[in-house]
Amino acid sequence: MYMMILLIESNEKKYSSTLKGWRILNKKYPNSYYRPDDCLNLFSVLPEKKVKKSKLYNWLIKQQKREDPIGDLANDILRDSSFPVESDSIQCIYKYA
């Protein structure tokens, strides 16, 4: 769920920054660059990328309310968008750490 929220937020940021860029270009060069007002936001219609979560990640989700080092680790990992959520490989997780 957290990864999906981050993905949506990053797509919205990309769309907003692109739209700002178009507006700037349109003001500087009104006859050269044109983006129709009713142009479709492609980021809003992209299919959501479904990531199969690993057993470790699913276990960590359940541990986030613990008040010990495992709970701390779970919260840190859940906040980190670069954690390899689909990997059960110890080598991959060591590389991440």
PDB file of N, CA and C in Angstrom:
ATOM      1  N   MET A   1       0.833  -1.193   0.000  1.00  0.00           N
ATOM      2  CA  MET A   1       0.000   0.000   0.000  1.00  0.00           C
ATOM      3  C   MET A   1       0.875   1.254   0.000  1.00  0.00           C
ATOM      4  N   TYR A   2       1.909   1.255   0.842  1.00  0.00           N
ATOM      5  CA  TYR A   2       2.795   2.415   0.937  1.00  0.00           C
ATOM      6  C   TYR A   2       3.495   2.665  -0.386  1.00  0.00           C
ATOM      7  N   MET A   3       3.961   1.591  -1.047  1.00  0.00           N
ATOM      8  CA  MET A   3       4.645   1.727  -2.338  1.00  0.00           C
ATOM      9  C   MET A   3       3.686   2.306  -3.384  1.00  0.00           C
ATOM     10  N   MET A   4       2.437   1.891  -3.340  1.00  0.00           N
ATOM     11  CA  MET A   4       1.467   2.372  -4.311  1.00  0.00           C
ATOM     12  C   MET A   4       1.239   3.881  -4.111  1.00  0.00           C
ATOM     13  N   ILE A   5       1.183   4.309  -2.852  1.00  0.00           N
ATOM     14  CA  ILE A   5       1.004   5.733  -2.570  1.00  0.00           C
ATOM     15  C   ILE A   5       2.195   6.514  -3.088  1.00  0.00           C
ATOM     16  N   LEU A   6       3.417   5.994  -2.872  1.00  0.00           N
ATOM     17  CA  LEU A   6       4.608   6.676  -3.368  1.00  0.00           C
ATOM     18  C   LEU A   6       4.611   6.759  -4.886  1.00  0.00           C
ATOM     19  N   LEU A   7       4.190   5.695  -5.540  1.00  0.00           N
ATOM     20  CA  LEU A   7       4.142   5.680  -7.001  1.00  0.00           C
ATOM     21  C   LEU A   7       3.156   6.722  -7.515  1.00  0.00           C
ATOM     22  N   ILE A   8       2.001   6.796  -6.888  1.00  0.00           N
ATOM     23  CA  ILE A   8       0.997   7.783  -7.306  1.00  0.00           C
ATOM     24  C   ILE A   8       1.513   9.186  -7.063  1.00  0.00           C
ATOM     25  N   GLU A   9       2.147   9.414  -5.893  1.00  0.00           N
ATOM     26  CA  GLU A   9       2.678  10.740  -5.583  1.00  0.00           C
ATOM     27  C   GLU A   9       3.761  11.144  -6.581  1.00  0.00           C
ATOM     28  N   SER A  10       4.653  10.208  -6.920  1.00  0.00           N
ATOM     29  CA  SER A  10       5.719  10.558  -7.853  1.00  0.00           C
ATOM     30  C   SER A  10       5.150  10.847  -9.244  1.00  0.00           C
ATOM     31  N   ASN A  11       4.115  10.128  -9.664  1.00  0.00           N
ATOM     32  CA  ASN A  11       3.489  10.402 -10.953  1.00  0.00           C
ATOM     33  C   ASN A  11       2.811  11.768 -10.957  1.00  0.00           C
ATOM     34  N   GLU A  12       2.174  12.118  -9.852  1.00  0.00           N
ATOM     35  CA  GLU A  12       1.542  13.432  -9.767  1.00  0.00           C
ATOM     36  C   GLU A  12       2.586  14.541  -9.818  1.00  0.00           C
ATOM     37  N   LYS A  13       3.730  14.316  -9.163  1.00  0.00           N
ATOM     38  CA  LYS A  13       4.802  15.318  -9.185  1.00  0.00           C
ATOM     39  C   LYS A  13       5.355  15.474 -10.600  1.00  0.00           C
ATOM     40  N   LYS A  14       5.530  14.355 -11.298  1.00  0.00           N
ATOM     41  CA  LYS A  14       6.021  14.409 -12.673  1.00  0.00           C
ATOM     42  C   LYS A  14       5.041  15.191 -13.554  1.00  0.00           C
ATOM     43  N   TYR A  15       3.763  14.890 -13.395  1.00  0.00           N
ATOM     44  CA  TYR A  15       2.750  15.568 -14.194  1.00  0.00           C
ATOM     45  C   TYR A  15       2.747  17.065 -13.887  1.00  0.00           C
ATOM     46  N   SER A  16       2.786  17.410 -12.600  1.00  0.00           N
ATOM     47  CA  SER A  16       2.759  18.830 -12.216  1.00  0.00           C
ATOM     48  C   SER A  16       3.972  19.583 -12.753  1.00  0.00           C
ATOM     49  N   SER A  17       5.154  18.979 -12.638  1.00  0.00           N
ATOM     50  CA  SER A  17       6.353  19.671 -13.122  1.00  0.00           C
ATOM     51  C   SER A  17       6.341  19.799 -14.644  1.00  0.00           C
ATOM     52  N   THR A  18       5.837  18.791 -15.347  1.00  0.00           N
ATOM     53  CA  THR A  18       5.736  18.860 -16.801  1.00  0.00           C
ATOM     54  C   THR A  18       4.744  19.941 -17.219  1.00  0.00           C
ATOM     55  N   LEU A  19       3.631  20.008 -16.523  1.00  0.00           N
ATOM     56  CA  LEU A  19       2.629  21.017 -16.832  1.00  0.00           C
ATOM     57  C   LEU A  19       3.177  22.426 -16.600  1.00  0.00           C
ATOM     58  N   LYS A  20       3.935  22.608 -15.516  1.00  0.00           N
ATOM     59  CA  LYS A  20       4.560  23.913 -15.254  1.00  0.00           C
ATOM     60  C   LYS A  20       5.526  24.281 -16.377  1.00  0.00           C
ATOM     61  N   GLY A  21       6.295  23.288 -16.832  1.00  0.00           N
ATOM     62  CA  GLY A  21       7.226  23.526 -17.933  1.00  0.00           C
ATOM     63  C   GLY A  21       6.522  23.969 -19.200  1.00  0.00           C
ATOM     64  N   TRP A  22       5.394  23.320 -19.510  1.00  0.00           N
ATOM     65  CA  TRP A  22       4.616  23.708 -20.689  1.00  0.00           C
ATOM     66  C   TRP A  22       4.096  25.130 -20.556  1.00  0.00           C
ATOM     67  N   ARG A  23       3.656  25.467 -19.368  1.00  0.00           N
ATOM     68  CA  ARG A  23       3.126  26.820 -19.166  1.00  0.00           C
ATOM     69  C   ARG A  23       4.213  27.874 -19.344  1.00  0.00           C
ATOM     70  N   ILE A  24       5.415  27.581 -18.863  1.00  0.00           N
ATOM     71  CA  ILE A  24       6.539  28.510 -19.019  1.00  0.00           C
ATOM     72  C   ILE A  24       6.887  28.669 -20.494  1.00  0.00           C
ATOM     73  N   LEU A  25       6.987  27.543 -21.210  1.00  0.00           N
ATOM     74  CA  LEU A  25       7.295  27.594 -22.643  1.00  0.00           C
ATOM     75  C   LEU A  25       6.218  28.358 -23.411  1.00  0.00           C
ATOM     76  N   ASN A  26       4.979  28.145 -23.032  1.00  0.00           N
ATOM     77  CA  ASN A  26       3.887  28.821 -23.721  1.00  0.00           C
ATOM     78  C   ASN A  26       3.947  30.335 -23.510  1.00  0.00           C
ATOM     79  N   LYS A  27       4.375  30.773 -22.338  1.00  0.00           N
ATOM     80  CA  LYS A  27       4.499  32.217 -22.092  1.00  0.00           C
ATOM     81  C   LYS A  27       5.678  32.813 -22.853  1.00  0.00           C
ATOM     82  N   LYS A  28       6.812  32.071 -22.874  1.00  0.00           N
ATOM     83  CA  LYS A  28       8.010  32.585 -23.556  1.00  0.00           C
ATOM     84  C   LYS A  28       7.846  32.572 -25.065  1.00  0.00           C
ATOM     85  N   TYR A  29       7.266  31.503 -25.568  1.00  0.00           N
ATOM     86  CA  TYR A  29       7.125  31.329 -27.016  1.00  0.00           C
ATOM     87  C   TYR A  29       5.672  30.973 -27.332  1.00  0.00           C
ATOM     88  N   PRO A  30       4.778  31.947 -27.315  1.00  0.00           N
ATOM     89  CA  PRO A  30       3.349  31.648 -27.425  1.00  0.00           C
ATOM     90  C   PRO A  30       2.930  30.966 -28.729  1.00  0.00           C
ATOM     91  N   ASN A  31       3.652  31.148 -29.810  1.00  0.00           N
ATOM     92  CA  ASN A  31       3.236  30.546 -31.071  1.00  0.00           C
ATOM     93  C   ASN A  31       4.031  29.300 -31.436  1.00  0.00           C
ATOM     94  N   SER A  32       5.045  28.963 -30.642  1.00  0.00           N
ATOM     95  CA  SER A  32       5.906  27.833 -30.980  1.00  0.00           C
ATOM     96  C   SER A  32       5.497  26.531 -30.294  1.00  0.00           C
ATOM     97  N   TYR A  33       5.097  26.630 -29.043  1.00  0.00           N
ATOM     98  CA  TYR A  33       4.773  25.431 -28.273  1.00  0.00           C
ATOM     99  C   TYR A  33       3.305  25.479 -27.882  1.00  0.00           C
ATOM    100  N   TYR A  34       2.651  24.361 -28.053  1.00  0.00           N
ATOM    101  CA  TYR A  34       1.231  24.336 -27.770  1.00  0.00           C
ATOM    102  C   TYR A  34       0.857  23.018 -27.109  1.00  0.00           C
ATOM    103  N   ARG A  35       0.160  23.095 -26.013  1.00  0.00           N
ATOM    104  CA  ARG A  35      -0.395  21.924 -25.345  1.00  0.00           C
ATOM    105  C   ARG A  35      -1.870  22.200 -25.137  1.00  0.00           C
ATOM    106  N   PRO A  36      -2.745  21.433 -25.754  1.00  0.00           N
ATOM    107  CA  PRO A  36      -4.184  21.696 -25.629  1.00  0.00           C
ATOM    108  C   PRO A  36      -4.648  21.659 -24.166  1.00  0.00           C
ATOM    109  N   ASP A  37      -5.594  22.480 -23.834  1.00  0.00           N
ATOM    110  CA  ASP A  37      -6.118  22.526 -22.475  1.00  0.00           C
ATOM    111  C   ASP A  37      -6.805  21.223 -22.078  1.00  0.00           C
ATOM    112  N   ASP A  38      -7.412  20.540 -23.032  1.00  0.00           N
ATOM    113  CA  ASP A  38      -8.127  19.305 -22.721  1.00  0.00           C
ATOM    114  C   ASP A  38      -7.260  18.055 -22.930  1.00  0.00           C
ATOM    115  N   CYS A  39      -5.950  18.243 -22.950  1.00  0.00           N
ATOM    116  CA  CYS A  39      -5.026  17.125 -23.148  1.00  0.00           C
ATOM    117  C   CYS A  39      -5.121  16.142 -21.978  1.00  0.00           C
ATOM    118  N   LEU A  40      -5.120  14.856 -22.288  1.00  0.00           N
ATOM    119  CA  LEU A  40      -5.264  13.807 -21.282  1.00  0.00           C
ATOM    120  C   LEU A  40      -3.997  13.668 -20.446  1.00  0.00           C
ATOM    121  N   ASN A  41      -4.153  13.550 -19.142  1.00  0.00           N
ATOM    122  CA  ASN A  41      -3.041  13.296 -18.234  1.00  0.00           C
ATOM    123  C   ASN A  41      -2.700  11.809 -18.311  1.00  0.00           C
ATOM    124  N   LEU A  42      -1.622  11.474 -19.003  1.00  0.00           N
ATOM    125  CA  LEU A  42      -1.265  10.067 -19.201  1.00  0.00           C
ATOM    126  C   LEU A  42      -0.913   9.363 -17.897  1.00  0.00           C
ATOM    127  N   PHE A  43      -0.375  10.091 -16.930  1.00  0.00           N
ATOM    128  CA  PHE A  43      -0.030   9.463 -15.654  1.00  0.00           C
ATOM    129  C   PHE A  43      -1.267   8.989 -14.909  1.00  0.00           C
ATOM    130  N   SER A  44      -2.386   9.640 -15.128  1.00  0.00           N
ATOM    131  CA  SER A  44      -3.597   9.244 -14.418  1.00  0.00           C
ATOM    132  C   SER A  44      -4.220   7.978 -15.002  1.00  0.00           C
ATOM    133  N   VAL A  45      -3.865   7.616 -16.235  1.00  0.00           N
ATOM    134  CA  VAL A  45      -4.454   6.433 -16.857  1.00  0.00           C
ATOM    135  C   VAL A  45      -3.483   5.264 -16.974  1.00  0.00           C
ATOM    136  N   LEU A  46      -2.266   5.423 -16.464  1.00  0.00           N
ATOM    137  CA  LEU A  46      -1.324   4.315 -16.486  1.00  0.00           C
ATOM    138  C   LEU A  46      -1.810   3.205 -15.561  1.00  0.00           C
ATOM    139  N   PRO A  47      -1.678   1.959 -15.982  1.00  0.00           N
ATOM    140  CA  PRO A  47      -2.076   0.877 -15.075  1.00  0.00           C
ATOM    141  C   PRO A  47      -1.120   0.832 -13.887  1.00  0.00           C
ATOM    142  N   GLU A  48      -1.662   0.511 -12.739  1.00  0.00           N
ATOM    143  CA  GLU A  48      -0.825   0.428 -11.556  1.00  0.00           C
ATOM    144  C   GLU A  48       0.073  -0.793 -11.662  1.00  0.00           C
ATOM    145  N   LYS A  49       1.330  -0.581 -11.335  1.00  0.00           N
ATOM    146  CA  LYS A  49       2.284  -1.680 -11.369  1.00  0.00           C
ATOM    147  C   LYS A  49       2.108  -2.500 -10.097  1.00  0.00           C
ATOM    148  N   LYS A  50       1.746  -3.752 -10.265  1.00  0.00           N
ATOM    149  CA  LYS A  50       1.542  -4.615  -9.115  1.00  0.00           C
ATOM    150  C   LYS A  50       2.843  -5.342  -8.815  1.00  0.00           C
ATOM    151  N   VAL A  51       3.319  -5.155  -7.613  1.00  0.00           N
ATOM    152  CA  VAL A  51       4.559  -5.784  -7.182  1.00  0.00           C
ATOM    153  C   VAL A  51       4.201  -6.929  -6.255  1.00  0.00           C
ATOM    154  N   LYS A  52       4.707  -8.114  -6.579  1.00  0.00           N
ATOM    155  CA  LYS A  52       4.479  -9.259  -5.707  1.00  0.00           C
ATOM    156  C   LYS A  52       5.422  -9.134  -4.524  1.00  0.00           C
ATOM    157  N   LYS A  53       4.852  -9.028  -3.352  1.00  0.00           N
ATOM    158  CA  LYS A  53       5.662  -8.835  -2.153  1.00  0.00           C
ATOM    159  C   LYS A  53       6.176 -10.165  -1.638  1.00  0.00           C
ATOM    160  N   SER A  54       7.386 -10.143  -1.130  1.00  0.00           N
ATOM    161  CA  SER A  54       8.014 -11.356  -0.613  1.00  0.00           C
ATOM    162  C   SER A  54       7.419 -11.749   0.738  1.00  0.00           C
ATOM    163  N   LYS A  55       7.699 -12.956   1.143  1.00  0.00           N
ATOM    164  CA  LYS A  55       7.240 -13.440   2.447  1.00  0.00           C
ATOM    165  C   LYS A  55       7.864 -12.612   3.564  1.00  0.00           C
ATOM    166  N   LEU A  56       9.134 -12.242   3.395  1.00  0.00           N
ATOM    167  CA  LEU A  56       9.808 -11.423   4.401  1.00  0.00           C
ATOM    168  C   LEU A  56       9.116 -10.076   4.542  1.00  0.00           C
ATOM    169  N   TYR A  57       8.819  -9.431   3.434  1.00  0.00           N
ATOM    170  CA  TYR A  57       8.172  -8.125   3.469  1.00  0.00           C
ATOM    171  C   TYR A  57       6.787  -8.224   4.106  1.00  0.00           C
ATOM    172  N   ASN A  58       6.022  -9.241   3.744  1.00  0.00           N
ATOM    173  CA  ASN A  58       4.696  -9.435   4.341  1.00  0.00           C
ATOM    174  C   ASN A  58       4.807  -9.664   5.847  1.00  0.00           C
ATOM    175  N   TRP A  59       5.837 -10.399   6.282  1.00  0.00           N
ATOM    176  CA  TRP A  59       6.053 -10.632   7.704  1.00  0.00           C
ATOM    177  C   TRP A  59       6.415  -9.316   8.395  1.00  0.00           C
ATOM    178  N   LEU A  60       7.269  -8.522   7.752  1.00  0.00           N
ATOM    179  CA  LEU A  60       7.674  -7.245   8.343  1.00  0.00           C
ATOM    180  C   LEU A  60       6.497  -6.291   8.520  1.00  0.00           C
ATOM    181  N   ILE A  61       5.569  -6.297   7.584  1.00  0.00           N
ATOM    182  CA  ILE A  61       4.385  -5.447   7.698  1.00  0.00           C
ATOM    183  C   ILE A  61       3.645  -5.746   9.002  1.00  0.00           C
ATOM    184  N   LYS A  62       3.601  -7.016   9.357  1.00  0.00           N
ATOM    185  CA  LYS A  62       2.898  -7.418  10.575  1.00  0.00           C
ATOM    186  C   LYS A  62       3.684  -7.078  11.850  1.00  0.00           C
ATOM    187  N   GLN A  63       4.971  -6.763  11.718  1.00  0.00           N
ATOM    188  CA  GLN A  63       5.826  -6.513  12.883  1.00  0.00           C
ATOM    189  C   GLN A  63       5.988  -5.039  13.224  1.00  0.00           C
ATOM    190  N   GLN A  64       5.394  -4.149  12.463  1.00  0.00           N
ATOM    191  CA  GLN A  64       5.681  -2.727  12.621  1.00  0.00           C
ATOM    192  C   GLN A  64       5.213  -2.127  13.946  1.00  0.00           C
ATOM    193  N   LYS A  65       4.315  -2.781  14.667  1.00  0.00           N
ATOM    194  CA  LYS A  65       3.855  -2.233  15.948  1.00  0.00           C
ATOM    195  C   LYS A  65       4.655  -2.758  17.141  1.00  0.00           C
ATOM    196  N   ARG A  66       5.603  -3.635  16.872  1.00  0.00           N
ATOM    197  CA  ARG A  66       6.453  -4.137  17.959  1.00  0.00           C
ATOM    198  C   ARG A  66       7.364  -3.030  18.470  1.00  0.00           C
ATOM    199  N   GLU A  67       7.618  -3.035  19.750  1.00  0.00           N
ATOM    200  CA  GLU A  67       8.499  -2.035  20.340  1.00  0.00           C
ATOM    201  C   GLU A  67       9.841  -2.666  20.692  1.00  0.00           C
ATOM    202  N   ASP A  68      10.510  -3.139  19.687  1.00  0.00           N
ATOM    203  CA  ASP A  68      11.839  -3.733  19.826  1.00  0.00           C
ATOM    204  C   ASP A  68      12.591  -3.514  18.515  1.00  0.00           C
ATOM    205  N   PRO A  69      13.828  -3.983  18.396  1.00  0.00           N
ATOM    206  CA  PRO A  69      14.587  -3.745  17.155  1.00  0.00           C
ATOM    207  C   PRO A  69      13.904  -4.268  15.890  1.00  0.00           C
ATOM    208  N   ILE A  70      13.150  -5.346  15.992  1.00  0.00           N
ATOM    209  CA  ILE A  70      12.454  -5.869  14.804  1.00  0.00           C
ATOM    210  C   ILE A  70      11.374  -4.881  14.357  1.00  0.00           C
ATOM    211  N   GLY A  71      10.653  -4.307  15.299  1.00  0.00           N
ATOM    212  CA  GLY A  71       9.655  -3.295  14.957  1.00  0.00           C
ATOM    213  C   GLY A  71      10.301  -2.063  14.350  1.00  0.00           C
ATOM    214  N   ASP A  72      11.456  -1.652  14.895  1.00  0.00           N
ATOM    215  CA  ASP A  72      12.186  -0.515  14.328  1.00  0.00           C
ATOM    216  C   ASP A  72      12.617  -0.808  12.889  1.00  0.00           C
ATOM    217  N   LEU A  73      13.172  -2.012  12.680  1.00  0.00           N
ATOM    218  CA  LEU A  73      13.588  -2.414  11.333  1.00  0.00           C
ATOM    219  C   LEU A  73      12.388  -2.420  10.382  1.00  0.00           C
ATOM    220  N   ALA A  74      11.274  -2.964  10.836  1.00  0.00           N
ATOM    221  CA  ALA A  74      10.076  -3.015   9.994  1.00  0.00           C
ATOM    222  C   ALA A  74       9.630  -1.613   9.601  1.00  0.00           C
ATOM    223  N   ASN A  75       9.605  -0.698  10.541  1.00  0.00           N
ATOM    224  CA  ASN A  75       9.189   0.677  10.231  1.00  0.00           C
ATOM    225  C   ASN A  75      10.172   1.355   9.288  1.00  0.00           C
ATOM    226  N   ASP A  76      11.464   1.136   9.494  1.00  0.00           N
ATOM    227  CA  ASP A  76      12.467   1.724   8.599  1.00  0.00           C
ATOM    228  C   ASP A  76      12.300   1.208   7.176  1.00  0.00           C
ATOM    229  N   ILE A  77      12.106  -0.086   7.040  1.00  0.00           N
ATOM    230  CA  ILE A  77      11.976  -0.701   5.717  1.00  0.00           C
ATOM    231  C   ILE A  77      10.681  -0.258   5.039  1.00  0.00           C
ATOM    232  N   LEU A  78       9.602  -0.157   5.786  1.00  0.00           N
ATOM    233  CA  LEU A  78       8.322   0.245   5.201  1.00  0.00           C
ATOM    234  C   LEU A  78       8.343   1.687   4.725  1.00  0.00           C
ATOM    235  N   ARG A  79       9.197   2.516   5.329  1.00  0.00           N
ATOM    236  CA  ARG A  79       9.306   3.915   4.888  1.00  0.00           C
ATOM    237  C   ARG A  79      10.262   4.076   3.715  1.00  0.00           C
ATOM    238  N   ASP A  80      11.084   3.073   3.459  1.00  0.00           N
ATOM    239  CA  ASP A  80      12.116   3.181   2.426  1.00  0.00           C
ATOM    240  C   ASP A  80      11.607   2.627   1.101  1.00  0.00           C
ATOM    241  N   SER A  81      11.437   3.505   0.130  1.00  0.00           N
ATOM    242  CA  SER A  81      10.898   3.073  -1.163  1.00  0.00           C
ATOM    243  C   SER A  81      11.893   2.264  -1.992  1.00  0.00           C
ATOM    244  N   SER A  82      13.166   2.239  -1.588  1.00  0.00           N
ATOM    245  CA  SER A  82      14.159   1.496  -2.370  1.00  0.00           C
ATOM    246  C   SER A  82      14.363   0.064  -1.854  1.00  0.00           C
ATOM    247  N   PHE A  83      13.664  -0.328  -0.809  1.00  0.00           N
ATOM    248  CA  PHE A  83      13.800  -1.696  -0.299  1.00  0.00           C
ATOM    249  C   PHE A  83      13.261  -2.682  -1.331  1.00  0.00           C
ATOM    250  N   PRO A  84      13.990  -3.776  -1.585  1.00  0.00           N
ATOM    251  CA  PRO A  84      13.546  -4.758  -2.594  1.00  0.00           C
ATOM    252  C   PRO A  84      12.377  -5.605  -2.068  1.00  0.00           C
ATOM    253  N   VAL A  85      11.153  -5.098  -2.177  1.00  0.00           N
ATOM    254  CA  VAL A  85       9.981  -5.748  -1.586  1.00  0.00           C
ATOM    255  C   VAL A  85       9.668  -7.112  -2.191  1.00  0.00           C
ATOM    256  N   GLU A  86      10.093  -7.358  -3.420  1.00  0.00           N
ATOM    257  CA  GLU A  86       9.743  -8.634  -4.050  1.00  0.00           C
ATOM    258  C   GLU A  86      10.788  -9.716  -3.841  1.00  0.00           C
ATOM    259  N   SER A  87      11.871  -9.400  -3.148  1.00  0.00           N
ATOM    260  CA  SER A  87      12.963 -10.356  -3.019  1.00  0.00           C
ATOM    261  C   SER A  87      12.957 -11.081  -1.676  1.00  0.00           C
ATOM    262  N   ASP A  88      13.124 -12.406  -1.740  1.00  0.00           N
ATOM    263  CA  ASP A  88      13.331 -13.225  -0.542  1.00  0.00           C
ATOM    264  C   ASP A  88      14.800 -13.613  -0.420  1.00  0.00           C
ATOM    265  N   SER A  89      15.626 -13.143  -1.334  1.00  0.00           N
ATOM    266  CA  SER A  89      17.033 -13.521  -1.380  1.00  0.00           C
ATOM    267  C   SER A  89      17.818 -12.789  -0.286  1.00  0.00           C
ATOM    268  N   ILE A  90      18.527 -13.555   0.525  1.00  0.00           N
ATOM    269  CA  ILE A  90      19.361 -12.954   1.569  1.00  0.00           C
ATOM    270  C   ILE A  90      20.442 -12.087   0.951  1.00  0.00           C
ATOM    271  N   GLN A  91      21.034 -12.540  -0.172  1.00  0.00           N
ATOM    272  CA  GLN A  91      22.092 -11.752  -0.829  1.00  0.00           C
ATOM    273  C   GLN A  91      21.552 -10.397  -1.281  1.00  0.00           C
ATOM    274  N   CYS A  92      20.362 -10.386  -1.814  1.00  0.00           N
ATOM    275  CA  CYS A  92      19.765  -9.140  -2.289  1.00  0.00           C
ATOM    276  C   CYS A  92      19.517  -8.184  -1.113  1.00  0.00           C
ATOM    277  N   ILE A  93      19.061  -8.709  -0.014  1.00  0.00           N
ATOM    278  CA  ILE A  93      18.789  -7.878   1.159  1.00  0.00           C
ATOM    279  C   ILE A  93      20.096  -7.393   1.782  1.00  0.00           C
ATOM    280  N   TYR A  94      21.142  -8.227   1.783  1.00  0.00           N
ATOM    281  CA  TYR A  94      22.458  -7.769   2.252  1.00  0.00           C
ATOM    282  C   TYR A  94      22.996  -6.663   1.380  1.00  0.00           C
ATOM    283  N   LYS A  95      22.823  -6.777   0.047  1.00  0.00           N
ATOM    284  CA  LYS A  95      23.249  -5.716  -0.850  1.00  0.00           C
ATOM    285  C   LYS A  95      22.517  -4.416  -0.545  1.00  0.00           C
ATOM    286  N   TYR A  96      21.219  -4.545  -0.249  1.00  0.00           N
ATOM    287  CA  TYR A  96      20.417  -3.368   0.080  1.00  0.00           C
ATOM    288  C   TYR A  96      20.948  -2.695   1.355  1.00  0.00           C
ATOM    289  N   ALA A  97      21.240  -3.515   2.351  1.00  0.00           N
ATOM    290  CA  ALA A  97      21.697  -2.976   3.656  1.00  0.00           C
ATOM    291  C   ALA A  97      23.057  -2.367   3.491  1.00  0.00           C
TER     292      ALA A  97
END
